[in-house]
C-alpha atoms as a PDB file:
ATOM      1  CA  MET A   1       3.962 -68.624  13.917  1.00  0.00           C
ATOM      2  CA  LYS A   2       6.604 -69.153  11.194  1.00  0.00           C
ATOM      3  CA  SER A   3       3.909 -70.218   8.737  1.00  0.00           C
ATOM      4  CA  LEU A   4       1.960 -67.026   9.450  1.00  0.00           C
ATOM      5  CA  LYS A   5       5.073 -64.937   8.751  1.00  0.00           C
ATOM      6  CA  LYS A   6       5.477 -66.728   5.396  1.00  0.00           C
ATOM      7  CA  LEU A   7       1.802 -66.276   4.512  1.00  0.00           C
ATOM      8  CA  PHE A   8       1.700 -62.562   5.320  1.00  0.00           C
ATOM      9  CA  PRO A   9       3.641 -61.413   2.211  1.00  0.00           C
ATOM     10  CA  VAL A  10       1.554 -63.696  -0.029  1.00  0.00           C
ATOM     11  CA  ALA A  11      -1.696 -62.459   1.537  1.00  0.00           C
ATOM     12  CA  PHE A  12      -0.524 -58.861   1.169  1.00  0.00           C
ATOM     13  CA  VAL A  13       0.197 -59.332  -2.561  1.00  0.00           C
ATOM     14  CA  LEU A  14      -3.168 -61.031  -3.153  1.00  0.00           C
ATOM     15  CA  ILE A  15      -5.074 -58.322  -1.286  1.00  0.00           C
ATOM     16  CA  SER A  16      -3.142 -55.595  -3.106  1.00  0.00           C
ATOM     17  CA  GLN A  17      -3.912 -57.138  -6.492  1.00  0.00           C
ATOM     18  CA  ALA A  18      -7.576 -57.535  -5.634  1.00  0.00           C
ATOM     19  CA  ALA A  19      -7.787 -53.915  -4.471  1.00  0.00           C
ATOM     20  CA  CYS A  20      -6.137 -52.658  -7.651  1.00  0.00           C
ATOM     21  CA  SER A  21      -8.047 -54.804 -10.107  1.00  0.00           C
ATOM     22  CA  LYS A  22      -9.880 -52.738 -12.681  1.00  0.00           C
ATOM     23  CA  THR A  23     -13.595 -53.053 -12.814  1.00  0.00           C
ATOM     24  CA  SER A  24     -15.658 -50.755 -14.901  1.00  0.00           C
ATOM     25  CA  VAL A  25     -18.415 -48.857 -13.231  1.00  0.00           C
ATOM     26  CA  PRO A  26     -21.254 -48.134 -15.600  1.00  0.00           C
ATOM     27  CA  ALA A  27     -21.926 -44.448 -16.157  1.00  0.00           C
ATOM     28  CA  VAL A  28     -25.126 -43.115 -14.744  1.00  0.00           C
ATOM     29  CA  PRO A  29     -27.072 -41.506 -17.584  1.00  0.00           C
ATOM     30  CA  ASN A  30     -27.709 -37.772 -17.269  1.00  0.00           C
ATOM     31  CA  GLU A  31     -25.699 -37.511 -14.061  1.00  0.00           C
ATOM     32  CA  PRO A  32     -24.272 -33.969 -13.966  1.00  0.00           C
ATOM     33  CA  THR A  33     -20.519 -33.553 -14.006  1.00  0.00           C
ATOM     34  CA  PRO A  34     -18.929 -31.156 -11.517  1.00  0.00           C
ATOM     35  CA  LYS A  35     -18.658 -28.544 -14.284  1.00  0.00           C
ATOM     36  CA  ASP A  36     -22.313 -28.947 -15.212  1.00  0.00           C
ATOM     37  CA  THR A  37     -23.275 -28.636 -11.550  1.00  0.00           C
ATOM     38  CA  THR A  38     -21.224 -25.471 -10.952  1.00  0.00           C
ATOM     39  CA  VAL A  39     -22.335 -23.845 -14.200  1.00  0.00           C
ATOM     40  CA  ALA A  40     -25.965 -24.717 -13.467  1.00  0.00           C
ATOM     41  CA  LEU A  41     -25.592 -23.286  -9.960  1.00  0.00           C
ATOM     42  CA  LEU A  42     -24.076 -20.053 -11.289  1.00  0.00           C
ATOM     43  CA  GLU A  43     -26.787 -19.655 -13.922  1.00  0.00           C
ATOM     44  CA  SER A  44     -29.629 -20.499 -11.510  1.00  0.00           C
ATOM     45  CA  SER A  45     -29.882 -17.187  -9.690  1.00  0.00           C
ATOM     46  CA  ASP A  46     -28.566 -13.712  -9.051  1.00  0.00           C
ATOM     47  CA  TRP A  47     -25.577 -13.633  -6.688  1.00  0.00           C
ATOM     48  CA  HIS A  48     -24.856 -11.149  -3.933  1.00  0.00           C
ATOM     49  CA  ILE A  49     -21.469 -10.740  -2.259  1.00  0.00           C
ATOM     50  CA  THR A  50     -21.943 -11.413   1.455  1.00  0.00           C
ATOM     51  CA  THR A  51     -18.309 -11.733   2.546  1.00  0.00           C
ATOM     52  CA  LEU A  52     -15.206  -9.981   1.257  1.00  0.00           C
ATOM     53  CA  THR A  53     -12.035 -10.105   3.322  1.00  0.00           C
ATOM     54  CA  VAL A  54      -8.381  -9.487   2.532  1.00  0.00           C
ATOM     55  CA  THR A  55      -5.170 -10.941   3.952  1.00  0.00           C
ATOM     56  CA  PRO A  56      -2.873  -9.294   4.934  1.00  0.00           C
ATOM     57  CA  ALA A  57      -4.807  -6.229   6.066  1.00  0.00           C
ATOM     58  CA  GLN A  58      -4.972  -3.434   3.527  1.00  0.00           C
ATOM     59  CA  ASN A  59      -4.653  -0.010   5.176  1.00  0.00           C
ATOM     60  CA  GLY A  60      -5.569  -1.704   8.475  1.00  0.00           C
ATOM     61  CA  VAL A  61      -8.733  -3.304   7.028  1.00  0.00           C
ATOM     62  CA  THR A  62      -9.352  -7.056   6.704  1.00  0.00           C
ATOM     63  CA  ASP A  63     -13.177  -7.059   6.486  1.00  0.00           C
ATOM     64  CA  VAL A  64     -13.520  -5.111   3.251  1.00  0.00           C
ATOM     65  CA  TRP A  65     -17.250  -5.814   2.925  1.00  0.00           C
ATOM     66  CA  ALA A  66     -18.073  -4.207   6.275  1.00  0.00           C
ATOM     67  CA  SER A  67     -16.234  -1.041   5.252  1.00  0.00           C
ATOM     68  CA  LEU A  68     -18.149  -0.513   1.979  1.00  0.00           C
ATOM     69  CA  PRO A  69     -21.088   1.909   1.637  1.00  0.00           C
ATOM     70  CA  PRO A  70     -24.628   0.537   1.097  1.00  0.00           C
ATOM     71  CA  CYS A  71     -24.621   1.768  -2.521  1.00  0.00           C
ATOM     72  CA  LEU A  72     -22.002  -0.941  -3.219  1.00  0.00           C
ATOM     73  CA  THR A  73     -23.203  -3.709  -0.916  1.00  0.00           C
ATOM     74  CA  ASP A  74     -26.596  -3.951  -2.619  1.00  0.00           C
ATOM     75  CA  ASN A  75     -25.031  -4.765  -6.005  1.00  0.00           C
ATOM     76  CA  PHE A  76     -25.412  -8.260  -7.432  1.00  0.00           C
ATOM     77  CA  PHE A  77     -24.094 -10.476 -10.215  1.00  0.00           C
ATOM     78  CA  ARG A  78     -25.895 -12.486 -12.865  1.00  0.00           C
ATOM     79  CA  PHE A  79     -24.095 -15.289 -14.755  1.00  0.00           C
ATOM     80  CA  LYS A  80     -26.202 -15.974 -17.842  1.00  0.00           C
ATOM     81  CA  ALA A  81     -26.077 -18.871 -20.275  1.00  0.00           C
ATOM     82  CA  GLY A  82     -23.783 -18.229 -23.212  1.00  0.00           C
ATOM     83  CA  GLY A  83     -21.099 -16.636 -21.040  1.00  0.00           C
ATOM     84  CA  ILE A  84     -22.850 -13.301 -20.437  1.00  0.00           C
ATOM     85  CA  PHE A  85     -21.974 -11.615 -17.129  1.00  0.00           C
ATOM     86  CA  ASN A  86     -23.969  -8.752 -15.580  1.00  0.00           C
ATOM     87  CA  SER A  87     -23.063  -6.659 -12.580  1.00  0.00           C
ATOM     88  CA  ASP A  88     -26.199  -4.832 -11.428  1.00  0.00           C
ATOM     89  CA  GLU A  89     -26.008  -1.666  -9.302  1.00  0.00           C
ATOM     90  CA  GLY A  90     -28.925  -2.806  -7.138  1.00  0.00           C
ATOM     91  CA  LEU A  91     -31.459  -0.422  -5.590  1.00  0.00           C
ATOM     92  CA  THR A  92     -29.001   2.369  -4.756  1.00  0.00           C
ATOM     93  CA  LYS A  93     -26.223   3.785  -6.904  1.00  0.00           C
ATOM     94  CA  CYS A  94     -23.121   5.592  -5.691  1.00  0.00           C
ATOM     95  CA  ASN A  95     -23.024   7.581  -8.935  1.00  0.00           C
ATOM     96  CA  PRO A  96     -26.267   8.179 -10.862  1.00  0.00           C
ATOM     97  CA  ALA A  97     -24.277   8.501 -14.114  1.00  0.00           C
ATOM     98  CA  ILE A  98     -23.111   4.865 -13.930  1.00  0.00           C
ATOM     99  CA  PRO A  99     -25.267   2.461 -15.969  1.00  0.00           C
ATOM    100  CA  GLN A 100     -27.562   0.201 -13.919  1.00  0.00           C
ATOM    101  CA  ILE A 101     -26.074  -2.910 -15.554  1.00  0.00           C
ATOM    102  CA  ASP A 102     -22.415  -3.433 -16.432  1.00  0.00           C
ATOM    103  CA  GLU A 103     -22.330  -6.272 -18.990  1.00  0.00           C
ATOM    104  CA  GLY A 104     -19.373  -8.472 -19.815  1.00  0.00           C
ATOM    105  CA  THR A 105     -18.382 -12.109 -20.136  1.00  0.00           C
ATOM    106  CA  TRP A 106     -17.771 -15.064 -17.843  1.00  0.00           C
ATOM    107  CA  SER A 107     -16.385 -18.597 -18.079  1.00  0.00           C
ATOM    108  CA  TYR A 108     -15.769 -21.509 -15.756  1.00  0.00           C
ATOM    109  CA  ILE A 109     -12.721 -23.769 -16.066  1.00  0.00           C
ATOM    110  CA  ASP A 110     -13.722 -27.112 -14.569  1.00  0.00           C
ATOM    111  CA  GLY A 111     -10.349 -28.751 -13.880  1.00  0.00           C
ATOM    112  CA  SER A 112      -8.976 -25.734 -12.047  1.00  0.00           C
ATOM    113  CA  LYS A 113     -12.293 -24.609 -10.489  1.00  0.00           C
ATOM    114  CA  LEU A 114     -11.588 -21.155 -11.890  1.00  0.00           C
ATOM    115  CA  LEU A 115     -14.403 -18.678 -12.486  1.00  0.00           C
ATOM    116  CA  ASN A 116     -13.379 -15.839 -14.800  1.00  0.00           C
ATOM    117  CA  PHE A 117     -15.524 -12.746 -15.258  1.00  0.00           C
ATOM    118  CA  ASN A 118     -14.795  -9.542 -17.067  1.00  0.00           C
ATOM    119  CA  SER A 119     -16.655  -6.273 -17.602  1.00  0.00           C
ATOM    120  CA  GLN A 120     -15.801  -2.600 -17.496  1.00  0.00           C
ATOM    121  CA  GLY A 121     -16.261  -2.492 -13.716  1.00  0.00           C
ATOM    122  CA  TRP A 122     -14.860  -5.988 -13.016  1.00  0.00           C
ATOM    123  CA  GLN A 123     -11.831  -6.200 -15.245  1.00  0.00           C
ATOM    124  CA  ASN A 124     -10.295  -9.663 -15.641  1.00  0.00           C
ATOM    125  CA  ARG A 125     -11.425 -11.036 -12.279  1.00  0.00           C
ATOM    126  CA  LYS A 126     -10.635 -14.621 -11.357  1.00  0.00           C
ATOM    127  CA  LEU A 127     -12.262 -16.488  -8.505  1.00  0.00           C
ATOM    128  CA  ASN A 128     -10.593 -19.742  -7.465  1.00  0.00           C
ATOM    129  CA  ILE A 129     -13.627 -21.606  -6.155  1.00  0.00           C
ATOM    130  CA  THR A 130     -12.914 -23.298  -2.832  1.00  0.00           C
ATOM    131  CA  ALA A 131     -16.436 -24.353  -1.776  1.00  0.00           C
ATOM    132  CA  THR A 132     -19.974 -24.545  -3.121  1.00  0.00           C
ATOM    133  CA  THR A 133     -23.321 -25.321  -1.558  1.00  0.00           C
ATOM    134  CA  SER A 134     -26.779 -25.023  -3.062  1.00  0.00           C
ATOM    135  CA  THR A 135     -26.871 -21.374  -1.903  1.00  0.00           C
ATOM    136  CA  THR A 136     -23.248 -20.176  -1.693  1.00  0.00           C
ATOM    137  CA  ILE A 137     -20.061 -20.079  -3.724  1.00  0.00           C
ATOM    138  CA  SER A 138     -16.814 -19.202  -1.961  1.00  0.00           C
ATOM    139  CA  GLY A 139     -13.403 -18.573  -3.381  1.00  0.00           C
ATOM    140  CA  THR A 140     -10.211 -16.576  -3.397  1.00  0.00           C
ATOM    141  CA  ASP A 141      -8.681 -14.006  -5.694  1.00  0.00           C
ATOM    142  CA  ASP A 142      -4.953 -13.314  -5.401  1.00  0.00           C
ATOM    143  CA  LYS A 143      -3.655  -9.877  -6.388  1.00  0.00           C
ATOM    144  CA  VAL A 144      -0.324  -8.103  -6.128  1.00  0.00           C
ATOM    145  CA  GLU A 145      -0.732  -4.399  -5.426  1.00  0.00           C
ATOM    146  CA  ASN A 146       2.232  -2.076  -4.928  1.00  0.00           C
ATOM    147  CA  GLY A 147       4.489  -5.120  -4.502  1.00  0.00           C
ATOM    148  CA  VAL A 148       2.334  -6.711  -1.768  1.00  0.00           C
ATOM    149  CA  ALA A 149       0.570 -10.051  -2.384  1.00  0.00           C
ATOM    150  CA  TYR A 150      -3.026 -10.001  -1.150  1.00  0.00           C
ATOM    151  CA  THR A 151      -5.591 -12.802  -0.976  1.00  0.00           C
ATOM    152  CA  TYR A 152      -9.202 -11.747  -1.182  1.00  0.00           C
ATOM    153  CA  THR A 153     -11.733 -14.258   0.140  1.00  0.00           C
ATOM    154  CA  ILE A 154     -15.215 -13.858  -1.298  1.00  0.00           C
ATOM    155  CA  THR A 155     -18.561 -15.532  -0.605  1.00  0.00           C
ATOM    156  CA  LEU A 156     -21.389 -15.147  -3.088  1.00  0.00           C
ATOM    157  CA  THR A 157     -24.887 -15.968  -1.831  1.00  0.00           C
ATOM    158  CA  LYS A 158     -27.919 -16.789  -3.951  1.00  0.00           C
ATOM    159  CA  GLN A 159     -30.587 -14.090  -3.920  1.00  0.00           C
END
């Protein structure tokens, strides 16, 4: 038993060194990086908001999306190559004088998973992406309004 106690530290060091040894893994050609995958996903389709909640409740409302009129819930986004962002009014418009398409810019910051988009109607919006699938992108947007910190949780779904 004493010999096992003496061997344990030596075995631990050897196993630790073997586990930490550097071996290079060859890169897989044309394998998309996370940024390429997210950008490609964003650019692949139009996106419709399907969930919009806020915490804490704002004026007693947490499910913001359910409280919006149909003329807003049919709107959709388009993230085009070259950083062009479109917000489209959809089939119904709340105000006929508003242009059908509100154009602006967008960018994606890979390391922070931050989606920025900006247009006249969506001024300086930031979505901290928390999850993506082949058909959804979810994230949060933190805002301080009248001294209260709110977290908006948003799910975009491919159309």
